[in-house]
Protein backbone atom coordinates (compact mmCIF):
# COMPACT_ATOMS: atom_id res chain seq x y z
CA MET A 1 23.55 43.02 2.56
CA THR A 2 22.64 39.58 1.20
CA LEU A 3 20.29 37.14 2.93
CA ILE A 4 23.21 34.89 3.83
CA GLU A 5 25.22 37.78 5.30
CA SER A 6 22.26 38.93 7.41
CA LEU A 7 21.72 35.42 8.73
CA ALA A 8 25.43 34.82 9.35
CA GLN A 9 25.79 38.02 11.36
CA TRP A 10 22.86 37.01 13.58
CA CYS A 11 24.18 33.46 14.03
CA ALA A 12 27.61 34.74 15.06
CA ASN A 13 26.16 37.12 17.67
CA PRO A 14 22.62 36.13 18.60
CA PRO A 15 20.85 37.85 21.49
CA PRO A 16 20.78 35.98 24.80
CA PHE A 17 18.28 33.15 24.71
CA THR A 18 15.60 33.07 27.38
CA LEU A 19 15.24 30.28 29.92
CA ARG A 20 12.00 29.27 28.19
CA ALA A 21 13.74 28.95 24.81
CA ARG A 22 16.50 26.83 26.36
CA GLU A 23 13.97 24.56 28.09
CA LEU A 24 12.07 24.01 24.85
CA ALA A 25 15.36 23.25 23.09
CA ILE A 26 16.18 20.60 25.69
CA ASP A 27 12.78 18.98 25.16
CA ALA A 28 13.37 18.87 21.40
CA ILE A 29 16.88 17.44 21.78
CA ILE A 30 15.65 14.70 24.13
CA ASP A 31 12.77 13.82 21.80
CA THR A 32 15.22 13.50 18.90
CA LEU A 33 17.60 11.31 20.87
CA GLY A 34 14.73 8.95 21.71
CA CYS A 35 13.73 8.74 18.04
CA MET A 36 17.36 8.08 17.17
CA VAL A 37 17.44 5.05 19.47
CA ALA A 38 14.11 3.77 18.14
CA GLY A 39 15.39 4.03 14.57
CA ARG A 40 18.69 2.21 15.07
CA SER A 41 17.46 -1.14 13.80
CA ASP A 42 15.41 0.20 10.88
CA PHE A 43 16.40 -0.95 7.41
CA SER A 44 17.35 2.61 6.37
CA THR A 45 19.80 2.99 9.24
CA GLN A 46 21.29 -0.45 8.69
CA ALA A 47 21.69 0.21 4.97
CA VAL A 48 23.72 3.41 5.38
CA GLN A 49 25.96 1.72 7.94
CA GLN A 50 26.61 -1.13 5.52
CA ALA A 51 27.36 1.30 2.71
CA TRP A 52 29.92 3.25 4.75
CA PRO A 53 31.51 0.77 7.19
CA GLN A 54 34.71 2.73 7.81
CA ILE A 55 36.23 2.53 11.27
CA PRO A 56 37.13 4.92 12.82
CA ARG A 57 34.17 7.01 11.76
CA SER A 58 34.36 10.59 10.60
CA GLN A 59 32.20 13.40 11.95
CA ALA A 60 30.29 13.46 8.66
CA LEU A 61 29.48 9.73 8.93
CA ASP A 62 28.37 10.18 12.54
CA ALA A 63 25.94 12.84 11.34
CA LEU A 64 24.78 10.65 8.44
CA PHE A 65 24.09 7.55 10.53
CA ASN A 66 22.43 9.27 13.45
CA ALA A 67 20.22 11.60 11.43
CA THR A 68 19.03 8.66 9.31
CA ALA A 69 18.16 6.82 12.53
CA ALA A 70 16.43 9.88 13.99
CA HIS A 71 14.10 10.08 10.98
CA ALA A 72 13.85 6.35 10.24
CA ILE A 73 10.45 5.63 11.79
CA ASP A 74 9.00 9.12 11.19
CA PHE A 75 8.51 9.75 14.91
CA ASP A 76 10.65 12.91 15.00
CA ASP A 77 9.36 16.47 15.30
CA ASN A 78 7.93 18.76 12.63
CA PHE A 79 8.91 22.39 12.19
CA ALA A 80 6.48 24.44 10.12
CA PRO A 81 8.67 27.54 9.50
CA GLY A 82 11.39 25.39 7.96
CA MET A 83 9.00 22.99 6.23
CA SER A 84 11.29 20.44 7.85
CA HIS A 85 11.86 17.72 10.39
CA ALA A 86 14.21 20.23 11.93
CA SER A 87 15.69 18.37 14.87
CA ALA A 88 16.34 15.07 13.07
CA VAL A 89 18.93 16.89 10.94
CA LEU A 90 20.12 19.51 13.41
CA VAL A 91 20.72 17.45 16.57
CA PRO A 92 22.82 14.67 14.93
CA ALA A 93 24.81 17.26 12.96
CA LEU A 94 25.63 19.14 16.16
CA LEU A 95 26.47 16.00 18.11
CA ALA A 96 28.91 14.96 15.39
CA VAL A 97 31.11 17.99 16.16
CA ALA A 98 30.31 18.37 19.87
CA ALA A 99 33.10 16.21 21.32
CA ASN A 100 34.61 19.10 23.27
CA SER A 101 31.39 20.98 23.93
CA ASP A 102 29.19 21.20 27.00
CA GLY A 103 25.42 21.04 27.30
CA ALA A 104 24.91 24.79 27.34
CA SER A 105 26.88 25.19 24.11
CA LEU A 106 24.88 22.41 22.44
CA ILE A 107 21.60 24.08 23.42
CA ARG A 108 22.80 27.46 22.13
CA ALA A 109 23.88 25.96 18.80
CA TYR A 110 20.55 24.15 18.49
CA LEU A 111 18.65 27.43 18.90
CA ILE A 112 20.89 29.12 16.32
CA GLY A 113 20.40 26.30 13.81
CA LEU A 114 16.65 26.18 14.36
CA GLN A 115 16.27 29.92 13.83
CA ALA A 116 18.39 29.60 10.70
CA GLN A 117 16.02 26.93 9.34
CA ALA A 118 13.10 29.27 10.01
CA TYR A 119 14.90 32.11 8.22
CA ILE A 120 15.68 30.05 5.11
CA GLY A 121 12.16 28.61 5.08
CA GLU A 122 10.60 32.05 5.30
CA ALA A 123 12.95 33.41 2.62
CA ILE A 124 11.86 30.90 -0.04
CA GLY A 125 8.28 30.29 1.11
CA TYR A 126 5.94 27.31 1.22
CA GLN A 127 5.86 27.07 -2.58
CA HIS A 128 9.24 25.32 -2.30
CA TYR A 129 7.66 22.46 -0.35
CA THR A 130 4.48 22.16 -2.39
CA ALA A 131 6.59 21.98 -5.58
CA GLY A 132 8.00 18.70 -4.26
CA TRP A 133 11.22 19.62 -2.49
CA HIS A 134 11.81 17.85 0.83
CA GLY A 135 12.39 20.73 3.21
CA THR A 136 14.13 18.45 5.70
CA SER A 137 16.98 17.86 3.28
CA THR A 138 17.05 21.32 1.67
CA VAL A 139 16.14 23.92 4.29
CA GLY A 140 17.28 21.50 7.00
CA CYS A 141 20.72 21.17 5.48
CA ILE A 142 21.31 24.92 5.14
CA GLY A 143 19.92 25.90 8.54
CA SER A 144 21.69 23.08 10.36
CA ALA A 145 24.98 24.08 8.73
CA ALA A 146 24.65 27.45 10.46
CA GLY A 147 24.24 25.72 13.83
CA VAL A 148 27.27 23.50 13.20
CA ALA A 149 29.38 26.48 12.15
CA ALA A 150 28.37 28.38 15.29
CA LEU A 151 29.21 25.40 17.52
CA LEU A 152 32.63 25.21 15.83
CA GLY A 153 33.20 28.86 16.78
CA GLN A 154 33.16 30.33 13.28
CA ASP A 155 32.77 34.10 12.97
CA ALA A 156 30.19 35.77 10.74
CA ALA A 157 32.37 35.49 7.64
CA GLY A 158 32.96 31.78 8.28
CA ILE A 159 29.28 31.10 8.86
CA ALA A 160 28.46 32.95 5.63
CA ARG A 161 30.90 30.73 3.73
CA THR A 162 29.31 27.67 5.36
CA LEU A 163 25.83 28.76 4.33
CA SER A 164 26.84 29.38 0.72
CA ILE A 165 28.44 25.93 0.48
CA ALA A 166 25.39 24.31 2.10
CA VAL A 167 23.11 25.80 -0.57
CA SER A 168 25.03 23.83 -3.20
CA LEU A 169 24.62 20.64 -1.14
CA ALA A 170 20.88 21.00 -0.47
CA SER A 171 18.77 18.37 -2.23
CA GLY A 172 16.03 15.76 -1.77
CA VAL A 173 12.64 15.29 -3.45
CA LYS A 174 9.33 14.36 -1.85
CA GLY A 175 8.62 11.78 -4.51
CA GLN A 176 10.76 9.46 -2.36
CA PHE A 177 8.27 9.58 0.53
CA GLY A 178 7.22 6.10 1.55
CA THR A 179 10.59 4.57 0.61
CA PRO A 180 13.67 3.84 2.76
CA LEU A 181 15.43 6.73 1.05
CA LYS A 182 13.33 9.32 2.88
CA PRO A 183 15.14 8.80 6.22
CA PHE A 184 18.41 8.95 4.29
CA HIS A 185 17.42 12.49 3.25
CA ALA A 186 17.79 13.57 6.89
CA GLY A 187 21.11 11.75 7.16
CA MET A 188 22.34 13.28 3.91
CA ALA A 189 21.34 16.76 5.10
CA ALA A 190 23.14 16.36 8.44
CA ARG A 191 26.26 15.01 6.74
CA ASN A 192 26.20 17.87 4.24
CA ALA A 193 25.77 20.41 7.04
CA VAL A 194 28.90 19.09 8.76
CA GLU A 195 30.84 18.98 5.50
CA ALA A 196 29.80 22.51 4.56
CA ALA A 197 31.09 23.88 7.87
CA THR A 198 34.27 21.80 7.64
CA LEU A 199 34.96 22.96 4.09
CA ALA A 200 34.32 26.59 5.03
CA GLN A 201 37.12 26.37 7.60
CA THR A 202 39.61 25.96 4.74
CA GLY A 203 38.51 29.28 3.24
CA MET A 204 36.40 27.70 0.49
CA GLN A 205 33.72 30.14 -0.54
CA GLY A 206 30.83 30.70 -2.91
CA ARG A 207 28.47 33.55 -3.74
CA LEU A 208 26.93 35.22 -0.74
CA ASP A 209 23.84 36.15 -2.75
CA ILE A 210 23.30 32.55 -3.83
CA ILE A 211 19.80 32.43 -2.34
CA GLU A 212 18.41 35.47 -4.18
CA CYS A 213 20.62 35.78 -7.28
CA ALA A 214 19.69 34.66 -10.81
CA GLN A 215 19.94 30.87 -11.02
CA GLY A 216 20.19 30.84 -7.24
CA PHE A 217 18.43 28.78 -4.61
CA ALA A 218 15.07 30.60 -4.61
CA GLU A 219 14.76 30.71 -8.39
CA LEU A 220 15.82 27.11 -9.02
CA TYR A 221 14.00 25.53 -6.09
CA ALA A 222 10.57 27.01 -6.81
CA GLY A 223 10.82 29.62 -4.08
CA LEU A 224 8.85 32.83 -3.75
CA LEU A 225 11.59 35.05 -2.37
CA SER A 226 10.89 37.30 0.61
CA GLN A 227 12.98 39.23 3.11
CA PRO A 228 12.66 37.38 6.43
CA SER A 229 13.34 38.93 9.79
CA LEU A 230 15.58 37.74 12.59
CA PRO A 231 14.69 38.08 16.27
CA GLY A 232 16.31 40.75 18.36
CA ALA A 233 14.69 41.39 21.67
CA GLU A 234 11.57 39.52 20.60
CA GLN A 235 11.02 35.81 21.12
CA HIS A 236 12.97 33.09 19.39
CA VAL A 237 10.99 31.02 16.87
CA ILE A 238 10.89 28.10 19.32
CA GLU A 239 8.87 30.33 21.68
CA GLN A 240 6.70 31.92 19.00
CA ILE A 241 5.84 28.86 16.91
CA GLY A 242 7.78 25.97 18.36
CA VAL A 243 8.77 22.55 17.09
CA MET A 244 6.02 19.97 17.18
CA PRO A 245 6.84 16.55 18.62
CA LYS A 246 4.90 13.66 17.18
CA LYS A 247 2.36 11.62 19.07
CA TYR A 248 2.24 8.92 16.38
CA PRO A 249 5.13 7.19 14.52
CA CYS A 250 3.94 8.08 11.02
CA CYS A 251 3.81 10.96 8.57
CA GLY A 252 2.80 14.22 10.21
CA SER A 253 0.28 14.79 7.42
CA THR A 254 -1.95 12.19 9.12
CA HIS A 255 -1.77 13.64 12.62
CA ARG A 256 -4.59 16.16 12.65
CA ILE A 257 -7.03 13.51 11.44
CA LEU A 258 -5.68 11.00 13.98
CA ASP A 259 -6.06 13.58 16.75
CA ALA A 260 -9.60 14.28 15.56
CA ILE A 261 -10.35 10.58 16.04
CA ALA A 262 -8.74 10.71 19.49
CA ASP A 263 -10.94 13.71 20.39
CA ILE A 264 -14.07 11.75 19.47
CA GLN A 265 -12.80 8.68 21.31
CA GLN A 266 -12.65 10.75 24.48
CA GLN A 267 -16.36 11.49 24.13
CA GLN A 268 -17.66 8.10 23.00
CA THR A 269 -16.58 4.57 22.19
CA LEU A 270 -15.88 4.08 18.51
CA LYS A 271 -16.37 0.57 17.15
CA ILE A 272 -14.97 0.09 13.69
CA ASP A 273 -17.75 -2.35 12.76
CA ASP A 274 -20.31 0.42 13.32
CA ILE A 275 -18.67 2.76 10.80
CA GLU A 276 -19.78 2.78 7.19
CA SER A 277 -17.27 5.26 5.80
CA VAL A 278 -14.55 7.71 6.78
CA HIS A 279 -13.63 10.82 4.81
CA CYS A 280 -10.55 12.94 5.45
CA GLN A 281 -10.14 16.47 4.06
CA VAL A 282 -6.54 17.72 4.19
CA GLY A 283 -4.21 20.28 2.64
CA ILE A 284 -2.85 19.78 -0.86
CA ALA A 285 0.72 19.16 0.27
CA ASN A 286 -0.51 16.71 2.92
CA TRP A 287 -2.62 14.88 0.33
CA ARG A 288 0.36 14.57 -1.97
CA ASN A 289 2.50 13.20 0.87
CA LEU A 290 0.05 10.35 1.52
CA ALA A 291 0.41 8.37 -1.68
CA TYR A 292 -0.23 4.82 -0.47
CA HIS A 293 -3.89 3.79 -0.29
CA GLN A 294 -3.06 0.07 0.02
CA PRO A 295 0.39 -0.05 1.66
CA GLN A 296 2.60 -3.06 0.99
CA ASP A 297 5.20 -2.53 3.73
CA GLU A 298 5.82 -0.60 6.92
CA MET A 299 7.38 2.44 5.22
CA GLN A 300 4.41 2.84 2.88
CA ALA A 301 2.08 2.36 5.85
CA ARG A 302 3.60 5.43 7.52
CA PHE A 303 2.49 7.42 4.47
CA SER A 304 -0.98 5.92 4.19
CA MET A 305 -3.88 7.84 5.69
CA GLN A 306 -6.05 4.80 5.12
CA TYR A 307 -3.80 2.48 7.10
CA CYS A 308 -3.19 4.94 9.95
CA VAL A 309 -6.90 5.76 10.34
CA ALA A 310 -7.87 2.09 10.20
CA MET A 311 -5.40 1.15 12.94
CA MET A 312 -6.45 4.14 15.06
CA LEU A 313 -10.10 3.12 14.81
CA ARG A 314 -9.35 -0.54 15.38
CA ASN A 315 -6.93 -0.21 18.30
CA GLY A 316 -7.75 3.17 19.82
CA THR A 317 -4.16 4.38 19.37
CA LEU A 318 -1.06 3.92 17.23
CA SER A 319 2.28 2.54 18.39
CA VAL A 320 5.67 1.71 16.94
CA GLN A 321 4.55 -1.92 16.76
CA ASP A 322 1.83 -1.04 14.23
CA PHE A 323 4.55 -0.19 11.71
CA THR A 324 6.46 -3.43 11.33
CA ALA A 325 6.41 -5.60 8.22
CA ALA A 326 4.52 -8.30 10.10
CA SER A 327 1.90 -5.90 11.43
CA VAL A 328 1.24 -4.34 8.03
CA LYS A 329 0.86 -7.75 6.42
CA GLN A 330 -1.46 -8.94 9.18
CA GLN A 331 -3.57 -5.84 9.66
CA ALA A 332 -3.95 -4.36 6.18
CA ASP A 333 -7.56 -5.13 5.27
CA VAL A 334 -8.38 -4.19 1.68
CA GLN A 335 -12.11 -3.71 2.33
CA LEU A 336 -11.51 -1.71 5.48
CA LEU A 337 -8.98 0.57 3.80
CA ALA A 338 -11.30 1.08 0.83
CA MET A 339 -13.96 2.67 3.04
CA ILE A 340 -11.50 5.41 4.07
CA THR A 341 -11.25 8.22 1.51
CA LEU A 342 -8.92 11.18 1.29
CA ALA A 343 -9.27 14.47 -0.57
CA PRO A 344 -7.42 17.82 -0.59
CA TRP A 345 -8.65 21.35 -0.35
CA THR A 346 -8.64 23.04 -3.75
CA ALA A 347 -5.88 25.38 -4.85
CA GLU A 348 -8.41 28.23 -4.83
CA GLN A 349 -9.41 27.49 -1.25
CA GLU A 350 -5.78 27.40 -0.12
CA ALA A 351 -5.05 30.62 -2.00
CA GLU A 352 -7.75 32.33 0.07
CA ASP A 353 -6.57 30.86 3.38
CA ARG A 354 -3.32 28.94 3.97
CA ASN A 355 -4.37 27.95 7.48
CA LEU A 356 -7.23 25.58 6.68
CA PRO A 357 -8.17 22.77 9.09
CA HIS A 358 -8.17 19.05 8.41
CA ILE A 359 -11.70 17.67 8.61
CA LEU A 360 -12.76 14.17 9.61
CA THR A 361 -16.21 12.88 8.65
CA LEU A 362 -17.42 9.61 10.18
CA ARG A 363 -20.59 8.08 8.78
CA PHE A 364 -22.17 5.27 10.79
CA ARG A 365 -24.33 2.39 9.62
CA ASN A 366 -27.23 3.69 11.73
CA GLY A 367 -27.29 6.97 9.78
CA GLN A 368 -25.39 9.06 12.33
CA GLU A 369 -22.66 11.39 11.07
CA ILE A 370 -19.88 13.07 13.05
CA VAL A 371 -17.78 15.88 11.55
CA HIS A 372 -14.79 17.12 13.51
CA ALA A 373 -12.07 19.57 12.40
CA ARG A 374 -8.57 20.20 13.69
CA LEU A 375 -6.47 23.23 12.84
CA ARG A 376 -3.32 21.80 14.45
CA ALA A 377 -2.10 18.50 15.82
CA ARG A 378 -1.29 17.92 19.46
CA GLY A 379 2.22 18.99 20.41
CA ALA A 380 1.89 22.62 19.31
CA LEU A 381 2.61 25.36 21.83
CA ASP A 382 -1.10 25.92 22.46
CA GLU A 383 -1.67 22.19 23.10
CA PRO A 384 1.70 20.89 24.29
CA PHE A 385 2.65 17.44 25.43
CA SER A 386 2.74 17.07 29.20
CA THR A 387 5.95 16.20 31.01
CA ASP A 388 4.57 12.69 31.45
CA ASP A 389 3.82 12.45 27.70
CA ARG A 390 7.38 13.39 26.82
CA GLN A 391 8.95 11.00 29.28
CA ALA A 392 6.65 8.15 28.23
CA LYS A 393 7.59 8.64 24.57
CA PHE A 394 11.31 8.66 25.37
CA LEU A 395 11.06 5.53 27.50
CA ASP A 396 9.01 3.78 24.81
CA CYS A 397 11.66 4.61 22.20
CA CYS A 398 14.49 3.56 24.53
CA ALA A 399 12.88 0.47 26.06
CA ALA A 400 15.88 -1.66 25.06
CA LEU A 401 18.37 0.59 26.86
CA PRO A 402 19.34 -0.13 30.47
CA GLN A 403 18.64 2.72 32.88
CA ALA A 404 16.66 4.68 30.29
CA GLU A 405 14.84 6.61 33.02
CA LEU A 406 18.12 7.75 34.59
CA LEU A 407 19.31 8.84 31.15
CA TYR A 408 16.15 10.86 30.70
CA GLN A 409 16.65 12.66 34.00
CA ARG A 410 20.26 13.45 33.12
CA LEU A 411 19.21 14.82 29.75
CA LYS A 412 16.62 17.04 31.42
CA GLU A 413 19.62 18.67 33.15
CA LEU A 414 21.49 19.09 29.86
CA ALA A 415 22.26 22.75 30.49
CA GLN A 416 24.35 21.76 33.53
CA GLN A 417 26.26 18.94 31.81
CA ALA A 418 29.95 19.76 31.32
CA ASP A 419 30.68 16.50 29.50
CA LEU A 420 28.47 15.12 26.73
CA THR A 421 30.15 11.74 26.32
CA PHE A 422 27.24 10.03 28.13
CA ILE A 423 25.09 10.78 25.06
CA ARG A 424 27.21 8.39 22.98
CA GLN A 425 25.21 5.44 24.30
CA LEU A 426 22.14 6.87 22.54
CA MET A 427 23.89 7.22 19.19
CA VAL A 428 24.33 4.76 16.34
């Protein structure tokens, strides 16, 4: 049996999902909807709307616009098994075809699509991401297509056709990080996921061994092929590893260092004028993601460790307002950014241990030195956001919406919602 056939059979008949898995899925869906609202006015979102102004809109365009918005300000969750911003692709793709669905069906399809992203990510391995492929728009596309197909009621054969088509639509390179095209990658992946499932309904088909065959996905996309497993009675990936919501509206590669600063701030007051230098040690892939030492605009600032660290030290936190064109122009201090250095672990070190921490070293003008390491960022299952944290982030993202708090409470009861039309007010 091929990898696609194994995955399709599981997606068509998954085991019952636990209450815990469904609750975590609701949290992830709500977080994504908040990010979608916050990203509505971003240049990336506006650009794709201008490029495709057709009215009435198709399901594929709904997915394109809303996934671009969900990823526009880089505030959406990270998903390590898929090497992806899983929910920014998956949730908009599902909503695009969910007109006649209820909340419980949406949650179920989300959990299917998320597990599918984990499966594809595990099959090709982390080498795919470090080679420069944007997992959000490759793995995210294929896995999300499985969730869309399941929500549409496709059987195992239909889901397998969808997955094969999605492989041919998967694309997106990390060299575009720091440009407005990066959010479009999420939109493109969601659109392609919808189109793959739609095309599969006509009977269109491709090779079912397209992941592992010669000239297939793993070989061409720098994968190191393995045989992943799918959960039976054991926990779903959202319970085992989880999706990680973001505390800061910038590239996730900065977050462990930013949380290290926050940890120190809880113990003592940090004054930026007292600091002589800052050094950040990160993983190779993280280092490569953070290409902008002296950012010129808000998108580059989201991919600048120097800018993010400087603002964190200066203001004690980071907010959406730190990543506007005006803020970057006003706050980017060449001398300040120059004192913040960034270096990766070596390839040999990562070969010995993939799970290396990110290390922050603060050197003060009085000779003091503080070194603090973080293995994970806040938001992981072992250090989750509180209920108050989640609600505060949603309300911050949706500050312009009337009755945002009532919307949040209704979304928390998503499993009981028979009609999803109320979600339209959160969409582009």
